[in-house]
Amino acid sequence: MDIEQARFNMVEQQIRTCEVLDQSVLELLFNVKREDFVPAVYRSLAFVDMEIPLGEGQLMMPPKLEARILQEVAPKAHERVLEIGTGSGYLSALLASRAAKVASIEYFESLAVSAAAKLAAAGIGNVEITTGDAARSPAKFVDPQQQFDVVVFTGSLPVLPAAYLPRLAVGGRLFAIIGDAPAMKAMLYTKATEQSTNALELFETVVAPLLNAEQPSRFTF
């Protein structure tokens, strides 16, 4: 396989057509090698428009979704990012390449260890991975007073946990995929002031739910 041609095709045929037009994002996809974050057995599928198994029943997002998330949250060089669900570590690497620091929380220790090794091999040193369950709150894993400029959930949520919007700094952006299959919406929440947040519906998609995600009250007959 011609890896660079496959990478070029991924960017031009999948990612541009998914409304990812930020040139800095597109360039980063050439610089951060996705194939290095894919399990070795699936390396030949690194540039295919599909979810890739990671083990522990978890899946790596398709490339176009990773790129779209990066474009929408648009981390800046001085900003701090909180990522819920490290997975392969590839999205962590993309975020870290734009931000000052990424704090990533992964439920499965095996995935956390694998992602940390891949990030180190890629020379990315500004990602700190913690193992644990942060589906409903990050309180056990980060300073209670710490706010972040960007928060990203990599698994879907039936509802956005109330504990997370207070963790956004003013001007901060939170990306989450909200809802139940087959009707999920990618949402971007922007903190306008300490008391107000704007919500923007970006697009419809379906991804696997975050483990132990908060559930809404569901009406039953």
C-alpha atoms as a PDB file:
ATOM      1  CA  MET A   1       0.000   0.000   0.000  1.00  0.00           C
ATOM      2  CA  ASP A   2       1.216   3.502  -0.844  1.00  0.00           C
ATOM      3  CA  ILE A   3       0.624   5.050   2.585  1.00  0.00           C
ATOM      4  CA  GLU A   4       1.030   8.663   1.529  1.00  0.00           C
ATOM      5  CA  GLN A   5      -1.354   8.227  -1.392  1.00  0.00           C
ATOM      6  CA  ALA A   6      -3.862   6.568   0.926  1.00  0.00           C
ATOM      7  CA  ARG A   7      -3.498   9.466   3.385  1.00  0.00           C
ATOM      8  CA  PHE A   8      -3.996  11.983   0.567  1.00  0.00           C
ATOM      9  CA  ASN A   9      -7.109  10.128  -0.612  1.00  0.00           C
ATOM     10  CA  MET A  10      -8.485  10.088   2.942  1.00  0.00           C
ATOM     11  CA  VAL A  11      -8.111  13.845   3.248  1.00  0.00           C
ATOM     12  CA  GLU A  12      -9.439  14.710  -0.194  1.00  0.00           C
ATOM     13  CA  GLN A  13     -12.228  12.145  -0.548  1.00  0.00           C
ATOM     14  CA  GLN A  14     -13.495  11.733   3.010  1.00  0.00           C
ATOM     15  CA  ILE A  15     -12.504  14.688   5.109  1.00  0.00           C
ATOM     16  CA  ARG A  16     -12.940  17.636   2.764  1.00  0.00           C
ATOM     17  CA  THR A  17     -16.340  16.286   1.759  1.00  0.00           C
ATOM     18  CA  CYS A  18     -17.338  16.298   5.452  1.00  0.00           C
ATOM     19  CA  GLU A  19     -16.997  20.107   5.519  1.00  0.00           C
ATOM     20  CA  VAL A  20     -13.540  20.067   7.064  1.00  0.00           C
ATOM     21  CA  LEU A  21     -11.931  22.944   5.174  1.00  0.00           C
ATOM     22  CA  ASP A  22      -9.610  24.470   7.784  1.00  0.00           C
ATOM     23  CA  GLN A  23      -6.218  24.213   6.091  1.00  0.00           C
ATOM     24  CA  SER A  24      -4.351  23.922   9.389  1.00  0.00           C
ATOM     25  CA  VAL A  25      -6.475  20.891  10.304  1.00  0.00           C
ATOM     26  CA  LEU A  26      -5.901  19.279   6.917  1.00  0.00           C
ATOM     27  CA  GLU A  27      -2.144  19.824   7.182  1.00  0.00           C
ATOM     28  CA  LEU A  28      -2.098  18.285  10.650  1.00  0.00           C
ATOM     29  CA  LEU A  29      -3.652  15.109   9.270  1.00  0.00           C
ATOM     30  CA  PHE A  30      -0.555  14.704   7.101  1.00  0.00           C
ATOM     31  CA  ASN A  31       1.815  15.387   9.998  1.00  0.00           C
ATOM     32  CA  VAL A  32       0.274  13.200  12.721  1.00  0.00           C
ATOM     33  CA  LYS A  33       0.459   9.667  11.369  1.00  0.00           C
ATOM     34  CA  ARG A  34      -2.885   7.961  11.932  1.00  0.00           C
ATOM     35  CA  GLU A  35      -1.530   4.533  11.029  1.00  0.00           C
ATOM     36  CA  ASP A  36       0.756   4.660  14.082  1.00  0.00           C
ATOM     37  CA  PHE A  37      -2.284   4.809  16.389  1.00  0.00           C
ATOM     38  CA  VAL A  38      -4.260   1.989  14.782  1.00  0.00           C
ATOM     39  CA  PRO A  39      -3.836  -1.552  16.214  1.00  0.00           C
ATOM     40  CA  ALA A  40      -1.186  -3.321  14.129  1.00  0.00           C
ATOM     41  CA  VAL A  41      -3.621  -5.914  12.816  1.00  0.00           C
ATOM     42  CA  TYR A  42      -5.768  -3.132  11.298  1.00  0.00           C
ATOM     43  CA  ARG A  43      -2.955  -0.920  10.018  1.00  0.00           C
ATOM     44  CA  SER A  44      -4.062  -1.403   6.400  1.00  0.00           C
ATOM     45  CA  LEU A  45      -7.456   0.083   7.352  1.00  0.00           C
ATOM     46  CA  ALA A  46      -6.026   3.237   8.941  1.00  0.00           C
ATOM     47  CA  PHE A  47      -7.357   5.517   6.188  1.00  0.00           C
ATOM     48  CA  VAL A  48     -10.697   3.799   5.560  1.00  0.00           C
ATOM     49  CA  ASP A  49     -13.975   5.538   6.418  1.00  0.00           C
ATOM     50  CA  MET A  50     -14.917   3.183   9.232  1.00  0.00           C
ATOM     51  CA  GLU A  51     -14.686   2.565  12.961  1.00  0.00           C
ATOM     52  CA  ILE A  52     -11.710   0.367  13.892  1.00  0.00           C
ATOM     53  CA  PRO A  53     -11.780  -2.074  16.837  1.00  0.00           C
ATOM     54  CA  LEU A  54      -9.383  -1.171  19.654  1.00  0.00           C
ATOM     55  CA  GLY A  55     -10.104  -3.980  22.085  1.00  0.00           C
ATOM     56  CA  GLU A  56     -12.239  -3.867  25.248  1.00  0.00           C
ATOM     57  CA  GLY A  57     -15.272  -3.489  22.969  1.00  0.00           C
ATOM     58  CA  GLN A  58     -14.169   0.031  22.010  1.00  0.00           C
ATOM     59  CA  LEU A  59     -13.901   1.569  18.547  1.00  0.00           C
ATOM     60  CA  MET A  60     -11.674   4.206  16.956  1.00  0.00           C
ATOM     61  CA  MET A  61     -13.713   6.979  15.335  1.00  0.00           C
ATOM     62  CA  PRO A  62     -13.710   7.318  11.540  1.00  0.00           C
ATOM     63  CA  PRO A  63     -11.101   9.838  10.287  1.00  0.00           C
ATOM     64  CA  LYS A  64     -13.700  12.363   9.116  1.00  0.00           C
ATOM     65  CA  LEU A  65     -15.239  12.586  12.591  1.00  0.00           C
ATOM     66  CA  GLU A  66     -11.881  13.084  14.308  1.00  0.00           C
ATOM     67  CA  ALA A  67     -11.040  15.854  11.846  1.00  0.00           C
ATOM     68  CA  ARG A  68     -14.427  17.523  12.204  1.00  0.00           C
ATOM     69  CA  ILE A  69     -14.141  17.536  16.002  1.00  0.00           C
ATOM     70  CA  LEU A  70     -10.720  19.173  15.792  1.00  0.00           C
ATOM     71  CA  GLN A  71     -12.032  21.820  13.422  1.00  0.00           C
ATOM     72  CA  GLU A  72     -15.071  22.622  15.573  1.00  0.00           C
ATOM     73  CA  VAL A  73     -13.312  22.933  18.945  1.00  0.00           C
ATOM     74  CA  ALA A  74     -10.327  24.731  17.347  1.00  0.00           C
ATOM     75  CA  PRO A  75      -7.829  24.542  20.225  1.00  0.00           C
ATOM     76  CA  LYS A  76      -5.304  27.371  20.448  1.00  0.00           C
ATOM     77  CA  ALA A  77      -1.652  27.151  21.441  1.00  0.00           C
ATOM     78  CA  HIS A  78      -2.224  28.505  24.975  1.00  0.00           C
ATOM     79  CA  GLU A  79      -5.340  26.458  25.763  1.00  0.00           C
ATOM     80  CA  ARG A  80      -5.963  23.413  27.963  1.00  0.00           C
ATOM     81  CA  VAL A  81      -8.085  20.495  26.753  1.00  0.00           C
ATOM     82  CA  LEU A  82     -10.009  17.831  28.663  1.00  0.00           C
ATOM     83  CA  GLU A  83     -10.761  14.660  26.702  1.00  0.00           C
ATOM     84  CA  ILE A  84     -13.137  11.997  28.028  1.00  0.00           C
ATOM     85  CA  GLY A  85     -12.216   8.707  26.380  1.00  0.00           C
ATOM     86  CA  THR A  86      -8.623   8.446  25.153  1.00  0.00           C
ATOM     87  CA  GLY A  87      -9.224   5.415  22.951  1.00  0.00           C
ATOM     88  CA  SER A  88      -6.416   4.998  20.422  1.00  0.00           C
ATOM     89  CA  GLY A  89      -4.771   8.272  21.422  1.00  0.00           C
ATOM     90  CA  TYR A  90      -4.999   9.666  17.886  1.00  0.00           C
ATOM     91  CA  LEU A  91      -7.540  12.388  18.645  1.00  0.00           C
ATOM     92  CA  SER A  92      -5.495  13.166  21.768  1.00  0.00           C
ATOM     93  CA  ALA A  93      -2.472  13.629  19.494  1.00  0.00           C
ATOM     94  CA  LEU A  94      -4.363  15.954  17.153  1.00  0.00           C
ATOM     95  CA  LEU A  95      -5.664  18.054  20.042  1.00  0.00           C
ATOM     96  CA  ALA A  96      -2.238  18.154  21.691  1.00  0.00           C
ATOM     97  CA  SER A  97      -0.642  19.316  18.460  1.00  0.00           C
ATOM     98  CA  ARG A  98      -2.764  22.464  18.627  1.00  0.00           C
ATOM     99  CA  ALA A  99      -3.131  23.036  22.382  1.00  0.00           C
ATOM    100  CA  ALA A 100      -0.823  23.661  25.343  1.00  0.00           C
ATOM    101  CA  LYS A 101      -1.887  20.546  27.239  1.00  0.00           C
ATOM    102  CA  VAL A 102      -4.413  17.719  27.031  1.00  0.00           C
ATOM    103  CA  ALA A 103      -5.738  15.920  30.101  1.00  0.00           C
ATOM    104  CA  SER A 104      -7.301  12.683  28.868  1.00  0.00           C
ATOM    105  CA  ILE A 105      -9.298  10.227  30.976  1.00  0.00           C
ATOM    106  CA  GLU A 106      -9.676   6.629  29.750  1.00  0.00           C
ATOM    107  CA  TYR A 107     -11.883   4.000  31.358  1.00  0.00           C
ATOM    108  CA  PHE A 108      -9.751   0.994  30.336  1.00  0.00           C
ATOM    109  CA  GLU A 109      -6.204   0.729  31.638  1.00  0.00           C
ATOM    110  CA  SER A 110      -5.103  -1.347  28.641  1.00  0.00           C
ATOM    111  CA  LEU A 111      -6.162   1.394  26.223  1.00  0.00           C
ATOM    112  CA  ALA A 112      -4.581   4.092  28.379  1.00  0.00           C
ATOM    113  CA  VAL A 113      -1.245   2.246  28.418  1.00  0.00           C
ATOM    114  CA  SER A 114      -1.359   1.615  24.667  1.00  0.00           C
ATOM    115  CA  ALA A 115      -2.265   5.222  23.859  1.00  0.00           C
ATOM    116  CA  ALA A 116       0.466   6.581  26.128  1.00  0.00           C
ATOM    117  CA  ALA A 117       3.064   4.430  24.363  1.00  0.00           C
ATOM    118  CA  LYS A 118       1.888   5.564  20.930  1.00  0.00           C
ATOM    119  CA  LEU A 119       1.921   9.220  21.947  1.00  0.00           C
ATOM    120  CA  ALA A 120       5.437   8.856  23.333  1.00  0.00           C
ATOM    121  CA  ALA A 121       6.608   7.157  20.130  1.00  0.00           C
ATOM    122  CA  ALA A 122       5.140  10.050  18.135  1.00  0.00           C
ATOM    123  CA  GLY A 123       7.075  12.549  20.265  1.00  0.00           C
ATOM    124  CA  ILE A 124       3.928  14.078  21.764  1.00  0.00           C
ATOM    125  CA  GLY A 125       4.622  14.900  25.396  1.00  0.00           C
ATOM    126  CA  ASN A 126       1.816  17.260  26.395  1.00  0.00           C
ATOM    127  CA  VAL A 127      -0.893  14.632  26.960  1.00  0.00           C
ATOM    128  CA  GLU A 128      -1.512  13.359  30.491  1.00  0.00           C
ATOM    129  CA  ILE A 129      -3.639  10.194  30.581  1.00  0.00           C
ATOM    130  CA  THR A 130      -5.497   9.104  33.694  1.00  0.00           C
ATOM    131  CA  THR A 131      -7.420   5.846  34.062  1.00  0.00           C
ATOM    132  CA  GLY A 132     -10.924   5.886  35.507  1.00  0.00           C
ATOM    133  CA  ASP A 133     -14.612   6.542  34.976  1.00  0.00           C
ATOM    134  CA  ALA A 134     -15.307  10.198  34.204  1.00  0.00           C
ATOM    135  CA  ALA A 135     -18.598   9.648  32.362  1.00  0.00           C
ATOM    136  CA  ARG A 136     -20.583  11.752  34.815  1.00  0.00           C
ATOM    137  CA  SER A 137     -17.937  13.988  36.360  1.00  0.00           C
ATOM    138  CA  PRO A 138     -14.194  14.674  36.146  1.00  0.00           C
ATOM    139  CA  ALA A 139     -14.020  15.549  39.845  1.00  0.00           C
ATOM    140  CA  LYS A 140     -11.877  12.547  40.859  1.00  0.00           C
ATOM    141  CA  PHE A 141      -9.287  13.192  38.177  1.00  0.00           C
ATOM    142  CA  VAL A 142      -8.618  16.923  37.893  1.00  0.00           C
ATOM    143  CA  ASP A 143      -8.328  19.827  40.315  1.00  0.00           C
ATOM    144  CA  PRO A 144     -11.846  20.849  41.439  1.00  0.00           C
ATOM    145  CA  GLN A 145     -11.063  24.474  40.561  1.00  0.00           C
ATOM    146  CA  GLN A 146      -9.567  23.716  37.142  1.00  0.00           C
ATOM    147  CA  GLN A 147     -11.410  25.000  34.093  1.00  0.00           C
ATOM    148  CA  PHE A 148     -10.657  24.011  30.505  1.00  0.00           C
ATOM    149  CA  ASP A 149     -10.828  25.844  27.214  1.00  0.00           C
ATOM    150  CA  VAL A 150     -11.910  22.722  25.340  1.00  0.00           C
ATOM    151  CA  VAL A 151     -13.758  19.595  26.480  1.00  0.00           C
ATOM    152  CA  VAL A 152     -14.314  16.648  24.120  1.00  0.00           C
ATOM    153  CA  PHE A 153     -16.336  13.481  24.687  1.00  0.00           C
ATOM    154  CA  THR A 154     -15.365  10.636  22.349  1.00  0.00           C
ATOM    155  CA  GLY A 155     -18.413   8.480  23.149  1.00  0.00           C
ATOM    156  CA  SER A 156     -22.047   9.488  22.785  1.00  0.00           C
ATOM    157  CA  LEU A 157     -24.182  10.637  25.710  1.00  0.00           C
ATOM    158  CA  PRO A 158     -27.965  10.429  26.173  1.00  0.00           C
ATOM    159  CA  VAL A 159     -27.718  13.772  27.989  1.00  0.00           C
ATOM    160  CA  LEU A 160     -24.837  16.105  28.768  1.00  0.00           C
ATOM    161  CA  PRO A 161     -23.702  15.597  32.394  1.00  0.00           C
ATOM    162  CA  ALA A 162     -24.366  18.709  34.461  1.00  0.00           C
ATOM    163  CA  ALA A 163     -20.892  18.545  36.011  1.00  0.00           C
ATOM    164  CA  TYR A 164     -19.119  19.474  32.785  1.00  0.00           C
ATOM    165  CA  LEU A 165     -20.331  22.917  31.696  1.00  0.00           C
ATOM    166  CA  PRO A 166     -18.980  24.510  34.913  1.00  0.00           C
ATOM    167  CA  ARG A 167     -15.591  23.088  33.892  1.00  0.00           C
ATOM    168  CA  LEU A 168     -15.525  25.287  30.790  1.00  0.00           C
ATOM    169  CA  ALA A 169     -13.703  28.599  30.973  1.00  0.00           C
ATOM    170  CA  VAL A 170     -15.475  31.608  29.493  1.00  0.00           C
ATOM    171  CA  GLY A 171     -15.017  31.336  25.738  1.00  0.00           C
ATOM    172  CA  GLY A 172     -14.482  27.589  26.084  1.00  0.00           C
ATOM    173  CA  ARG A 173     -15.976  24.970  23.747  1.00  0.00           C
ATOM    174  CA  LEU A 174     -17.408  21.561  24.584  1.00  0.00           C
ATOM    175  CA  PHE A 175     -18.062  18.923  21.914  1.00  0.00           C
ATOM    176  CA  ALA A 176     -20.417  16.029  22.589  1.00  0.00           C
ATOM    177  CA  ILE A 177     -22.626  13.690  20.589  1.00  0.00           C
ATOM    178  CA  ILE A 178     -26.005  13.687  22.319  1.00  0.00           C
ATOM    179  CA  GLY A 179     -28.916  11.282  21.993  1.00  0.00           C
ATOM    180  CA  ASP A 180     -29.737   7.637  21.444  1.00  0.00           C
ATOM    181  CA  ALA A 181     -29.248   5.639  18.250  1.00  0.00           C
ATOM    182  CA  PRO A 182     -30.363   6.108  15.547  1.00  0.00           C
ATOM    183  CA  ALA A 183     -30.928   9.818  16.264  1.00  0.00           C
ATOM    184  CA  MET A 184     -27.780  11.440  17.665  1.00  0.00           C
ATOM    185  CA  LYS A 185     -26.644  15.031  17.183  1.00  0.00           C
ATOM    186  CA  ALA A 186     -23.128  16.410  17.353  1.00  0.00           C
ATOM    187  CA  MET A 187     -23.330  19.485  19.571  1.00  0.00           C
ATOM    188  CA  LEU A 188     -20.945  22.343  20.282  1.00  0.00           C
ATOM    189  CA  TYR A 189     -21.490  24.222  23.545  1.00  0.00           C
ATOM    190  CA  THR A 190     -19.726  27.575  23.914  1.00  0.00           C
ATOM    191  CA  LYS A 191     -19.427  29.300  27.302  1.00  0.00           C
ATOM    192  CA  ALA A 192     -20.537  32.894  26.711  1.00  0.00           C
ATOM    193  CA  THR A 193     -20.333  33.989  30.355  1.00  0.00           C
ATOM    194  CA  GLU A 194     -20.032  32.154  33.660  1.00  0.00           C
ATOM    195  CA  GLN A 195     -23.834  32.048  33.728  1.00  0.00           C
ATOM    196  CA  SER A 196     -24.684  31.325  30.082  1.00  0.00           C
ATOM    197  CA  THR A 197     -23.790  28.786  27.421  1.00  0.00           C
ATOM    198  CA  ASN A 198     -24.735  28.704  23.749  1.00  0.00           C
ATOM    199  CA  ALA A 199     -25.566  25.374  22.090  1.00  0.00           C
ATOM    200  CA  LEU A 200     -25.100  24.749  18.367  1.00  0.00           C
ATOM    201  CA  GLU A 201     -26.251  21.635  16.540  1.00  0.00           C
ATOM    202  CA  LEU A 202     -23.533  20.694  14.037  1.00  0.00           C
ATOM    203  CA  PHE A 203     -24.601  17.497  12.283  1.00  0.00           C
ATOM    204  CA  GLU A 204     -26.212  14.105  12.791  1.00  0.00           C
ATOM    205  CA  THR A 205     -24.117  10.997  13.394  1.00  0.00           C
ATOM    206  CA  VAL A 206     -24.070   7.784  15.429  1.00  0.00           C
ATOM    207  CA  VAL A 207     -21.205   6.618  17.625  1.00  0.00           C
ATOM    208  CA  ALA A 208     -20.979   4.072  20.437  1.00  0.00           C
ATOM    209  CA  PRO A 209     -22.135   5.328  23.844  1.00  0.00           C
ATOM    210  CA  LEU A 210     -19.718   6.321  26.563  1.00  0.00           C
ATOM    211  CA  LEU A 211     -19.608   3.644  29.255  1.00  0.00           C
ATOM    212  CA  ASN A 212     -21.684   4.470  32.341  1.00  0.00           C
ATOM    213  CA  ALA A 213     -23.033   7.667  30.772  1.00  0.00           C
ATOM    214  CA  GLU A 214     -25.676   9.541  32.731  1.00  0.00           C
ATOM    215  CA  GLN A 215     -29.187   8.498  31.744  1.00  0.00           C
ATOM    216  CA  PRO A 216     -32.223  10.770  31.557  1.00  0.00           C
ATOM    217  CA  SER A 217     -35.516   9.921  33.198  1.00  0.00           C
ATOM    218  CA  ARG A 218     -37.307   7.779  30.637  1.00  0.00           C
ATOM    219  CA  PHE A 219     -41.094   7.652  30.509  1.00  0.00           C
ATOM    220  CA  THR A 220     -42.530   4.147  30.507  1.00  0.00           C
ATOM    221  CA  PHE A 221     -46.121   3.072  29.980  1.00  0.00           C
END
